[in-house]
N, C-alpha and C. Protein backbone atom coordinates (compact mmCIF):
# COMPACT_ATOMS: atom_id res chain seq x y z
N UNK A 1 -89.87 104.13 -38.70
CA UNK A 1 -88.86 103.79 -37.92
C UNK A 1 -87.43 103.18 -38.83
N UNK A 2 -86.45 103.51 -38.62
CA UNK A 2 -85.31 103.39 -39.37
C UNK A 2 -84.80 101.87 -39.13
N UNK A 3 -84.06 101.52 -40.30
CA UNK A 3 -83.14 99.90 -39.85
C UNK A 3 -82.06 100.04 -39.11
N UNK A 4 -81.90 99.05 -38.21
CA UNK A 4 -80.64 99.12 -37.51
C UNK A 4 -79.55 98.96 -38.51
N UNK A 5 -78.14 99.38 -38.23
CA UNK A 5 -76.99 99.44 -39.43
C UNK A 5 -76.17 98.68 -38.81
N UNK A 6 -76.16 97.70 -37.53
CA UNK A 6 -75.41 96.78 -37.25
C UNK A 6 -74.75 95.95 -38.35
N UNK A 7 -73.38 95.74 -38.49
CA UNK A 7 -72.84 94.72 -39.65
C UNK A 7 -71.88 93.72 -38.66
N UNK A 8 -72.26 92.74 -39.31
CA UNK A 8 -71.21 91.29 -38.41
C UNK A 8 -70.79 90.62 -39.56
N UNK A 9 -69.31 90.72 -39.60
CA UNK A 9 -68.53 89.80 -40.54
C UNK A 9 -68.51 88.19 -40.30
N UNK A 10 -68.92 87.95 -41.18
CA UNK A 10 -68.93 86.00 -41.22
C UNK A 10 -67.57 85.27 -41.29
N UNK A 11 -67.56 84.51 -40.03
CA UNK A 11 -66.13 83.77 -40.15
C UNK A 11 -66.50 82.75 -41.46
N UNK A 12 -65.65 82.87 -42.47
CA UNK A 12 -65.81 81.82 -43.66
C UNK A 12 -65.82 80.46 -43.17
N UNK A 13 -64.85 79.97 -42.38
CA UNK A 13 -64.62 78.75 -42.03
C UNK A 13 -65.91 77.96 -40.93
N UNK A 14 -66.68 79.22 -40.40
CA UNK A 14 -67.78 78.47 -39.80
C UNK A 14 -69.07 78.75 -40.61
N UNK A 15 -69.02 79.94 -41.46
CA UNK A 15 -70.36 80.04 -42.27
C UNK A 15 -70.65 79.01 -43.02
N UNK A 16 -69.39 78.94 -44.03
CA UNK A 16 -69.57 77.68 -44.97
C UNK A 16 -70.05 76.23 -44.74
N UNK A 17 -69.67 75.75 -43.53
CA UNK A 17 -70.25 74.43 -43.20
C UNK A 17 -71.33 74.61 -42.71
N UNK A 18 -71.79 75.27 -41.97
CA UNK A 18 -73.53 75.63 -41.49
C UNK A 18 -74.26 75.86 -42.68
N UNK A 19 -73.89 76.65 -43.57
CA UNK A 19 -74.55 76.97 -45.28
C UNK A 19 -74.47 75.38 -45.69
N UNK A 20 -73.63 74.73 -45.99
CA UNK A 20 -73.79 73.46 -46.53
C UNK A 20 -74.52 72.43 -45.99
N UNK A 21 -74.39 72.53 -44.52
CA UNK A 21 -75.26 71.42 -43.61
C UNK A 21 -76.98 71.86 -43.70
N UNK A 22 -77.35 72.95 -44.31
CA UNK A 22 -78.69 73.12 -44.31
C UNK A 22 -79.34 72.48 -45.21
N UNK A 23 -80.53 72.00 -44.88
CA UNK A 23 -81.19 71.27 -45.87
C UNK A 23 -81.87 72.08 -47.13
N UNK A 24 -82.35 73.31 -46.94
CA UNK A 24 -82.52 74.21 -47.75
C UNK A 24 -81.62 75.37 -48.02
N UNK A 25 -80.45 74.86 -47.86
CA UNK A 25 -79.61 76.13 -48.02
C UNK A 25 -78.97 76.35 -49.52
N UNK A 26 -78.22 77.28 -49.80
CA UNK A 26 -78.17 77.99 -51.07
C UNK A 26 -77.34 76.99 -51.93
N UNK A 27 -77.53 76.84 -53.26
CA UNK A 27 -76.67 75.89 -54.05
C UNK A 27 -75.34 76.57 -54.12
N UNK A 28 -75.02 77.52 -54.14
CA UNK A 28 -73.63 78.40 -54.45
C UNK A 28 -73.11 79.03 -53.26
N UNK A 29 -72.99 78.18 -52.05
CA UNK A 29 -72.96 78.81 -50.87
C UNK A 29 -71.59 79.62 -50.60
N UNK A 30 -70.40 78.70 -51.45
CA UNK A 30 -69.11 79.49 -51.61
C UNK A 30 -69.36 80.89 -51.88
N UNK A 31 -69.73 81.25 -53.33
CA UNK A 31 -70.06 82.25 -54.07
C UNK A 31 -70.73 83.24 -53.03
N UNK A 32 -71.79 83.06 -52.58
CA UNK A 32 -72.50 83.74 -51.46
C UNK A 32 -71.89 84.36 -50.42
N UNK A 33 -70.79 83.68 -50.01
CA UNK A 33 -70.01 83.84 -48.84
C UNK A 33 -68.71 85.06 -49.35
N UNK A 34 -68.52 84.90 -50.80
CA UNK A 34 -67.55 85.48 -51.36
C UNK A 34 -67.97 86.87 -51.64
N UNK A 35 -69.29 86.90 -52.12
CA UNK A 35 -70.35 87.99 -52.35
C UNK A 35 -70.67 88.91 -51.35
N UNK A 36 -70.82 88.51 -50.08
CA UNK A 36 -71.45 88.85 -48.84
C UNK A 36 -71.11 88.24 -47.90
N UNK A 37 -69.82 88.58 -47.51
CA UNK A 37 -69.09 88.16 -46.30
C UNK A 37 -69.48 88.57 -44.93
N UNK A 38 -70.87 89.12 -44.77
CA UNK A 38 -71.20 89.55 -43.70
C UNK A 38 -72.97 89.38 -43.83
N UNK A 39 -73.47 89.87 -42.44
CA UNK A 39 -74.93 89.90 -42.41
C UNK A 39 -75.23 91.03 -41.73
N UNK A 40 -76.47 91.69 -41.81
CA UNK A 40 -76.93 93.01 -41.46
C UNK A 40 -78.26 92.74 -40.36
N UNK A 41 -78.03 93.52 -39.17
CA UNK A 41 -79.07 93.36 -38.18
C UNK A 41 -80.37 93.53 -39.06
N UNK A 42 -81.45 92.60 -38.78
CA UNK A 42 -82.68 93.15 -39.45
C UNK A 42 -83.91 93.74 -38.64
N UNK A 43 -83.26 94.09 -37.63
CA UNK A 43 -84.27 94.97 -36.68
C UNK A 43 -84.52 96.29 -37.00
N UNK A 44 -85.51 96.92 -36.57
CA UNK A 44 -85.66 98.30 -36.64
C UNK A 44 -84.24 98.95 -35.74
N UNK A 45 -84.37 100.04 -35.81
CA UNK A 45 -83.59 100.79 -34.69
C UNK A 45 -83.78 100.05 -33.34
N UNK A 46 -82.90 100.17 -32.42
CA UNK A 46 -83.02 99.61 -31.15
C UNK A 46 -81.91 99.83 -30.26
N UNK A 47 -82.04 100.09 -28.87
CA UNK A 47 -81.11 100.65 -27.91
C UNK A 47 -79.95 99.59 -27.87
N UNK A 48 -79.10 99.86 -26.84
CA UNK A 48 -78.01 98.50 -26.58
C UNK A 48 -78.65 97.42 -25.76
N UNK A 49 -79.46 97.49 -25.13
CA UNK A 49 -79.90 96.57 -24.36
C UNK A 49 -80.78 95.34 -25.43
N UNK A 50 -80.79 95.75 -26.27
CA UNK A 50 -81.83 94.62 -27.41
C UNK A 50 -80.48 94.13 -28.05
N UNK A 51 -80.25 92.62 -28.28
CA UNK A 51 -79.16 92.09 -29.14
C UNK A 51 -79.72 92.18 -30.73
N UNK A 52 -79.16 91.96 -31.38
CA UNK A 52 -79.41 92.18 -32.76
C UNK A 52 -79.60 90.90 -33.48
N UNK A 53 -80.48 90.81 -34.76
CA UNK A 53 -80.85 89.45 -35.14
C UNK A 53 -80.72 89.54 -36.58
N UNK A 54 -80.05 88.42 -37.04
CA UNK A 54 -79.36 88.44 -38.51
C UNK A 54 -79.82 87.18 -38.70
N UNK A 55 -79.80 86.71 -40.09
CA UNK A 55 -80.08 85.38 -40.45
C UNK A 55 -78.78 84.92 -41.51
N UNK A 56 -78.16 83.95 -41.35
CA UNK A 56 -77.57 83.56 -42.35
C UNK A 56 -77.76 83.10 -43.50
N UNK A 57 -78.63 82.42 -43.74
CA UNK A 57 -80.13 82.00 -44.94
C UNK A 57 -81.10 81.88 -44.39
N UNK A 58 -82.08 82.57 -45.41
CA UNK A 58 -83.43 82.46 -45.04
C UNK A 58 -83.84 81.42 -45.90
N UNK A 59 -84.28 80.05 -45.07
CA UNK A 59 -84.73 78.79 -45.72
C UNK A 59 -86.35 79.09 -45.35
N UNK A 60 -86.70 79.70 -44.41
CA UNK A 60 -88.14 80.09 -44.13
C UNK A 60 -88.39 81.32 -43.61
N UNK A 61 -89.21 82.23 -44.08
CA UNK A 61 -89.35 83.43 -44.01
C UNK A 61 -89.39 83.75 -42.51
N UNK A 62 -89.41 85.06 -42.01
CA UNK A 62 -89.36 85.66 -40.56
C UNK A 62 -88.25 85.27 -39.96
N UNK A 63 -88.29 85.77 -38.72
CA UNK A 63 -87.29 85.79 -37.51
C UNK A 63 -87.63 84.91 -36.73
N UNK A 64 -86.93 84.53 -35.58
CA UNK A 64 -87.37 83.75 -34.61
C UNK A 64 -88.47 84.23 -33.86
N UNK A 65 -89.10 83.22 -33.40
CA UNK A 65 -90.56 83.92 -32.40
C UNK A 65 -90.24 84.61 -31.35
N UNK A 66 -90.81 85.66 -30.95
CA UNK A 66 -90.85 86.72 -29.82
C UNK A 66 -89.57 87.49 -30.09
N UNK A 67 -88.88 87.60 -31.38
CA UNK A 67 -87.92 88.48 -31.46
C UNK A 67 -88.31 89.80 -30.95
N UNK A 68 -87.33 90.70 -30.47
CA UNK A 68 -87.51 92.09 -30.33
C UNK A 68 -87.63 93.19 -31.51
N UNK A 69 -87.97 94.05 -31.36
CA UNK A 69 -88.21 95.10 -32.32
C UNK A 69 -89.31 94.87 -33.27
N UNK A 70 -89.66 95.94 -34.34
CA UNK A 70 -90.66 95.63 -35.15
C UNK A 70 -89.96 94.79 -36.37
N UNK A 71 -91.30 94.58 -37.16
CA UNK A 71 -90.55 93.80 -38.25
C UNK A 71 -90.30 94.70 -39.60
N UNK A 72 -90.02 94.18 -40.51
CA UNK A 72 -89.25 94.85 -41.61
C UNK A 72 -90.45 95.72 -42.33
N UNK A 73 -91.58 95.50 -42.43
CA UNK A 73 -92.59 96.25 -42.96
C UNK A 73 -93.12 97.59 -42.11
N UNK A 74 -92.43 97.47 -41.07
CA UNK A 74 -92.48 98.75 -40.05
C UNK A 74 -91.28 99.64 -40.34
N UNK A 75 -90.23 99.07 -41.13
CA UNK A 75 -89.04 100.17 -41.03
C UNK A 75 -88.86 100.76 -42.03
N UNK A 76 -88.34 101.88 -42.27
CA UNK A 76 -87.95 102.80 -43.67
C UNK A 76 -86.53 102.69 -43.46
N UNK A 77 -85.95 103.00 -44.82
CA UNK A 77 -84.32 102.89 -45.18
C UNK A 77 -84.43 103.82 -46.17
N UNK A 78 -84.00 105.07 -45.71
CA UNK A 78 -84.06 106.17 -46.59
C UNK A 78 -82.81 105.97 -47.71
N UNK A 79 -81.62 105.09 -47.29
CA UNK A 79 -80.80 105.01 -48.45
C UNK A 79 -81.28 103.79 -49.47
N UNK A 80 -82.27 102.96 -49.06
CA UNK A 80 -82.66 101.93 -50.08
C UNK A 80 -83.76 102.87 -50.80
N UNK A 81 -84.50 103.65 -50.38
CA UNK A 81 -85.23 104.43 -50.92
C UNK A 81 -84.70 105.43 -52.03
N UNK A 82 -83.72 105.94 -51.37
CA UNK A 82 -82.92 106.85 -52.35
C UNK A 82 -82.49 105.95 -53.84
N UNK A 83 -81.85 104.75 -53.27
CA UNK A 83 -81.24 103.78 -54.35
C UNK A 83 -82.45 103.30 -55.22
N UNK A 84 -83.70 102.80 -54.91
CA UNK A 84 -84.77 102.80 -55.86
C UNK A 84 -84.94 103.74 -56.49
N UNK A 85 -85.47 105.08 -56.19
CA UNK A 85 -85.63 106.22 -56.92
C UNK A 85 -84.85 106.39 -57.81
N UNK A 86 -83.33 106.31 -57.57
CA UNK A 86 -82.53 106.15 -58.62
C UNK A 86 -82.62 105.25 -60.00
N UNK A 87 -82.76 103.96 -59.38
CA UNK A 87 -83.28 102.97 -60.44
C UNK A 87 -84.38 103.36 -61.05
N UNK A 88 -85.36 103.64 -60.78
CA UNK A 88 -86.52 104.11 -61.60
C UNK A 88 -86.44 105.55 -62.18
N UNK A 89 -85.75 106.27 -61.91
CA UNK A 89 -85.24 107.34 -62.78
C UNK A 89 -84.77 106.64 -63.88
N UNK A 90 -83.42 106.11 -63.87
CA UNK A 90 -82.81 105.75 -64.78
C UNK A 90 -83.34 104.91 -65.84
N UNK A 91 -84.25 103.98 -65.21
CA UNK A 91 -85.26 103.08 -66.12
C UNK A 91 -86.10 103.93 -67.09
N UNK A 92 -86.59 105.08 -66.23
CA UNK A 92 -87.63 105.87 -66.78
C UNK A 92 -86.65 106.32 -68.31
N UNK A 93 -85.47 106.96 -68.16
CA UNK A 93 -85.03 107.79 -68.86
C UNK A 93 -84.42 106.92 -69.97
N UNK A 94 -84.03 105.68 -69.55
CA UNK A 94 -83.61 104.67 -70.59
C UNK A 94 -84.90 104.30 -71.43
N UNK A 95 -86.25 104.28 -70.96
CA UNK A 95 -87.27 103.74 -71.65
C UNK A 95 -87.74 104.97 -72.58
N UNK A 96 -87.08 106.20 -72.02
CA UNK A 96 -88.06 107.28 -73.21
C UNK A 96 -86.75 107.35 -74.28
N UNK A 97 -85.50 107.25 -73.91
CA UNK A 97 -84.65 106.94 -75.04
C UNK A 97 -84.86 105.98 -75.97
N UNK A 98 -85.30 104.94 -75.58
CA UNK A 98 -85.32 103.92 -76.36
C UNK A 98 -86.76 103.85 -77.10
N UNK A 99 -87.55 104.70 -76.92
CA UNK A 99 -88.78 104.82 -77.55
C UNK A 99 -88.99 106.12 -78.42
N UNK A 100 -87.92 106.91 -78.05
CA UNK A 100 -87.93 108.10 -78.83
C UNK A 100 -87.42 107.83 -80.49
N UNK A 101 -88.16 108.23 -81.47
CA UNK A 101 -87.87 108.08 -82.85
C UNK A 101 -86.89 109.05 -83.50
N UNK A 102 -85.84 108.32 -83.88
CA UNK A 102 -84.85 109.10 -84.19
C UNK A 102 -85.22 110.13 -85.89
N UNK A 103 -86.38 109.61 -86.14
CA UNK A 103 -86.47 110.38 -87.52
C UNK A 103 -87.23 111.73 -86.94
N UNK A 104 -88.03 111.96 -85.67
CA UNK A 104 -88.55 112.94 -85.24
C UNK A 104 -87.25 113.99 -84.81
N UNK A 105 -86.03 113.50 -84.87
CA UNK A 105 -85.03 114.34 -84.31
C UNK A 105 -84.44 115.40 -85.50
N UNK A 106 -85.20 116.36 -85.88
CA UNK A 106 -84.90 117.25 -86.92
C UNK A 106 -83.65 118.40 -86.58
N UNK A 107 -83.57 118.15 -85.41
CA UNK A 107 -82.21 119.24 -84.96
C UNK A 107 -80.71 118.40 -84.83
N UNK A 108 -80.85 117.00 -84.87
CA UNK A 108 -79.69 115.99 -84.57
C UNK A 108 -78.78 116.47 -85.87
N UNK A 109 -77.45 116.69 -85.64
CA UNK A 109 -76.62 116.80 -87.03
C UNK A 109 -76.60 115.42 -87.83
N UNK A 110 -76.19 115.79 -88.95
CA UNK A 110 -76.10 114.72 -90.04
C UNK A 110 -75.14 114.25 -90.15
């Protein structure tokens, strides 16, 4: 199942007071909103009869009780998977370059 792609822009003048009022809210609420002024629907694909579900901040894990749709562990995200594969590839390539012994490279120009 794919992730729902709905995005909701956050009104800064409403989101900031809500974050600041939370008992377990973020320490850097202003920076958080500057970096991410939106929320994403956290459900899997669904039709228009199902409302989107998103959290402003996660003080406790999980969505609300009896939320519609599947959980995140049922969702596949091809873009995220491609991004993670790219990161792994670059990390492996960097690691190989870091562990290569320059003394072994006889073809390198001097």
